[in-house]
Protein backbone atom coordinates (compact mmCIF):
# COMPACT_ATOMS: atom_id res chain seq x y z
CA MET A 1 0.01 -0.01 0.03
CA LYS A 2 1.42 3.38 -0.93
CA GLY A 3 1.19 6.37 1.37
CA GLY A 4 1.92 10.08 1.48
CA LEU A 5 3.67 11.63 -1.34
CA ALA A 6 4.15 8.31 -3.07
CA MET A 7 0.50 8.36 -3.81
CA ALA A 8 0.94 11.69 -5.43
CA HIS A 9 2.71 10.05 -8.28
CA GLU A 10 -0.30 7.91 -8.85
CA MET A 11 -2.69 10.94 -8.59
CA SER A 12 -0.79 12.76 -11.25
CA LYS A 13 -1.22 10.06 -13.85
CA GLY A 14 -4.65 11.56 -14.73
CA HIS A 15 -2.85 14.80 -15.76
CA SER A 16 -1.40 13.83 -19.17
CA ARG A 17 1.12 16.52 -20.23
CA SER A 18 0.32 15.82 -23.93
CA SER A 19 -3.38 16.62 -23.41
CA LEU A 20 -2.66 20.06 -21.94
CA ASP A 21 -1.53 23.12 -23.92
CA ASN A 22 1.13 25.30 -22.27
CA SER A 23 -1.34 27.96 -21.15
CA LYS A 24 -3.02 25.43 -18.86
CA LEU A 25 0.20 24.32 -17.16
CA PRO A 26 0.19 27.03 -14.46
CA LEU A 27 -3.26 25.97 -13.37
CA LYS A 28 -2.21 22.31 -13.38
CA ALA A 29 0.73 23.17 -11.23
CA HIS A 30 -1.47 25.15 -8.84
CA ASP A 31 -4.07 22.36 -8.56
CA LEU A 32 -1.47 19.65 -7.97
CA ALA A 33 0.32 21.59 -5.23
CA PHE A 34 -2.96 22.58 -3.61
CA GLU A 35 -4.10 18.99 -3.48
CA TYR A 36 -0.76 17.58 -2.35
CA GLU A 37 -0.50 20.11 0.51
CA ARG A 38 -4.10 19.54 1.52
CA LYS A 39 -3.61 15.73 1.66
CA TYR A 40 0.05 15.26 2.61
CA GLY A 41 1.59 18.53 3.98
CA SER A 42 5.23 19.57 3.64
CA CYS A 43 4.69 22.67 1.46
CA PRO A 44 8.16 22.65 -0.13
CA GLN A 45 7.74 18.98 -1.20
CA CYS A 46 4.31 19.67 -2.59
CA VAL A 47 5.45 22.52 -4.76
CA LEU A 48 8.40 20.60 -5.91
CA LEU A 49 6.28 17.52 -6.79
CA ALA A 50 3.74 19.65 -8.60
CA ILE A 51 6.44 21.29 -10.78
CA SER A 52 8.03 17.90 -11.30
CA LYS A 53 4.72 16.43 -12.47
CA THR A 54 3.60 19.44 -14.46
CA PHE A 55 6.90 19.57 -16.57
CA GLY A 56 7.85 15.96 -16.53
CA LEU A 57 11.10 16.58 -14.56
CA LYS A 58 12.82 13.80 -12.56
CA MET A 59 13.20 15.54 -9.22
CA ASP A 60 12.80 12.73 -6.65
CA ASP A 61 15.92 13.50 -4.65
CA VAL A 62 15.11 17.21 -4.65
CA VAL A 63 11.59 16.55 -3.43
CA LYS A 64 13.06 14.41 -0.63
CA ALA A 65 15.61 17.11 0.25
CA GLY A 66 12.74 19.69 0.64
CA HIS A 67 11.08 17.81 3.49
CA ALA A 68 12.57 19.42 6.58
CA LEU A 69 12.21 22.94 5.12
CA ALA A 70 8.54 22.93 5.74
CA GLY A 71 6.87 25.36 8.15
CA GLY A 72 9.58 28.01 7.78
CA ALA A 73 12.49 25.56 8.26
CA ALA A 74 12.01 22.57 10.55
CA LEU A 75 8.49 23.89 11.44
CA SER A 76 10.07 26.81 13.23
CA GLY A 77 8.04 29.39 11.47
CA SER A 78 10.88 31.85 11.61
CA GLY A 79 12.55 30.89 8.30
CA THR A 80 11.45 31.27 4.67
CA CYS A 81 8.02 29.82 3.93
CA GLY A 82 8.46 26.33 2.82
CA ALA A 83 6.23 26.89 -0.34
CA LEU A 84 8.56 29.73 -1.46
CA THR A 85 11.55 27.52 -0.64
CA GLY A 86 10.19 24.70 -2.75
CA GLY A 87 9.50 27.14 -5.56
CA MET A 88 13.01 28.43 -5.47
CA MET A 89 14.42 24.93 -5.33
CA SER A 90 12.27 24.07 -8.44
CA LEU A 91 13.69 27.10 -10.26
CA SER A 92 17.21 26.23 -9.18
CA PHE A 93 16.76 22.74 -10.40
CA ILE A 94 15.79 24.03 -13.78
CA TYR A 95 18.08 27.02 -14.16
CA GLY A 96 20.80 26.59 -11.38
CA ARG A 97 24.45 25.79 -11.59
CA GLY A 98 25.20 22.09 -11.50
CA VAL A 99 28.19 20.37 -9.85
CA GLU A 100 30.01 20.26 -13.24
CA ASP A 101 29.56 24.02 -13.62
CA VAL A 102 30.60 25.28 -10.19
CA ASP A 103 33.83 26.71 -11.63
CA LYS A 104 32.05 28.34 -14.62
CA GLY A 105 30.49 31.51 -13.24
CA ARG A 106 27.51 32.59 -11.21
CA PHE A 107 24.74 31.48 -13.52
CA LEU A 108 22.69 34.69 -12.80
CA VAL A 109 19.54 33.48 -14.59
CA SER A 110 18.87 31.21 -11.63
CA TYR A 111 18.98 34.28 -9.23
CA ARG A 112 16.92 36.32 -11.58
CA VAL A 113 14.04 33.88 -11.78
CA ALA A 114 14.20 33.14 -8.06
CA LYS A 115 14.14 36.87 -7.37
CA ASP A 116 11.04 37.24 -9.63
CA LEU A 117 9.33 34.55 -7.61
CA TYR A 118 10.49 36.00 -4.30
CA ASP A 119 9.12 39.49 -5.33
CA MET A 120 5.78 38.15 -6.28
CA PHE A 121 5.52 36.21 -3.04
CA VAL A 122 6.45 39.16 -0.84
CA GLU A 123 4.02 41.42 -2.70
CA GLU A 124 1.23 38.95 -2.23
CA PHE A 125 1.88 37.83 1.35
CA GLY A 126 3.76 40.80 2.90
CA GLY A 127 6.93 38.93 3.72
CA CYS A 128 8.82 35.72 3.04
CA THR A 129 8.73 33.93 6.54
CA CYS A 130 6.28 31.41 7.45
CA GLN A 131 5.18 33.53 10.45
CA GLU A 132 4.59 36.51 8.12
CA VAL A 133 2.49 34.47 5.73
CA GLN A 134 0.54 32.97 8.64
CA LYS A 135 -0.18 36.41 9.99
CA LYS A 136 -1.42 37.55 6.56
CA ILE A 137 -3.69 34.53 5.95
CA PHE A 138 -4.72 33.66 9.52
CA GLY A 139 -4.39 37.03 11.38
CA ARG A 140 -1.82 35.36 13.66
CA SER A 141 1.06 32.86 13.63
CA PHE A 142 1.12 29.37 15.17
CA ASP A 143 3.80 27.30 17.03
CA MET A 144 3.91 24.14 14.97
CA TRP A 145 5.76 22.29 17.80
CA ASP A 146 3.02 23.02 20.38
CA ALA A 147 0.22 20.40 20.06
CA GLU A 148 -2.57 22.81 21.08
CA ASP A 149 -1.37 25.52 18.82
CA TYR A 150 -1.08 23.08 15.95
CA LYS A 151 -4.72 21.92 16.49
CA GLU A 152 -5.68 25.58 16.31
CA PHE A 153 -3.82 25.90 13.06
CA GLU A 154 -5.60 22.97 11.60
CA LYS A 155 -8.96 24.12 13.01
CA ALA A 156 -8.41 27.57 11.21
CA GLY A 157 -7.96 25.79 7.87
CA GLY A 158 -4.22 25.24 7.83
CA HIS A 159 -4.37 22.21 5.59
CA ILE A 160 -7.92 22.63 4.31
CA ASP A 161 -7.47 25.70 2.20
CA LYS A 162 -4.90 28.24 3.67
CA CYS A 163 -1.46 26.60 3.22
CA PRO A 164 -2.69 24.64 0.20
CA GLU A 165 -3.57 27.89 -1.49
CA VAL A 166 -0.07 29.29 -0.74
CA ALA A 167 1.58 26.23 -2.20
CA GLY A 168 -0.75 26.38 -5.20
CA ARG A 169 0.04 29.99 -5.94
CA VAL A 170 3.75 29.35 -5.65
CA ALA A 171 3.59 26.40 -8.00
CA ARG A 172 1.50 28.48 -10.45
CA TRP A 173 4.02 31.33 -10.34
CA VAL A 174 6.92 28.96 -10.91
CA ALA A 175 5.17 27.45 -13.94
CA GLU A 176 4.52 30.98 -15.25
CA ILE A 177 8.10 32.02 -14.77
CA HIS A 178 9.38 28.83 -16.44
CA LEU A 179 7.01 29.24 -19.40
CA ALA A 180 8.00 32.88 -19.76
CA HIS A 181 11.61 31.73 -20.18
CA GLY A 182 10.76 29.21 -22.87
CA GLY A 183 10.24 26.21 -20.67
CA LYS A 184 8.22 23.28 -21.88
CA PRO A 185 7.12 20.01 -20.50
CA LYS A 186 9.40 17.08 -21.18
CA GLY A 187 8.06 14.18 -23.09
């Protein structure tokens, strides 16, 4: 029996890349990230997986690496929102400098597209930390390590619609940025 994000691979099979024109890809990315975050949590993983599935990218190790970055880094709330982190990781995967290129310059396109995403995010949510996003969408922040506060987070719609929508927007923006730079689905 499959569980968690492994099931997401199965869910995405109904979204054939060949049946979608490029203009629909941002919505596909949004919907996948929203659903993954609603069902499984770990916003960076959900954004990464949505981009992976939307564009046919093999990002399994990157998705795994994003796990502990959820909730503002290790559920601390004080670090960068995990959805934004997952979006930047997606863009870095696509445009970033690989190991074979470490000695070949800065690869500024990666910074530019990540800065575009960052600016869109801050404009929408008023900051980049998990706590800032929570204050914007809930009117307060939550301590994810406190059992009672976490229950309040969930009761307020944490994984019903609030954080899933943040993850969905980030995935949509990543898809739009990638398409604007000539990106296409593989396959």
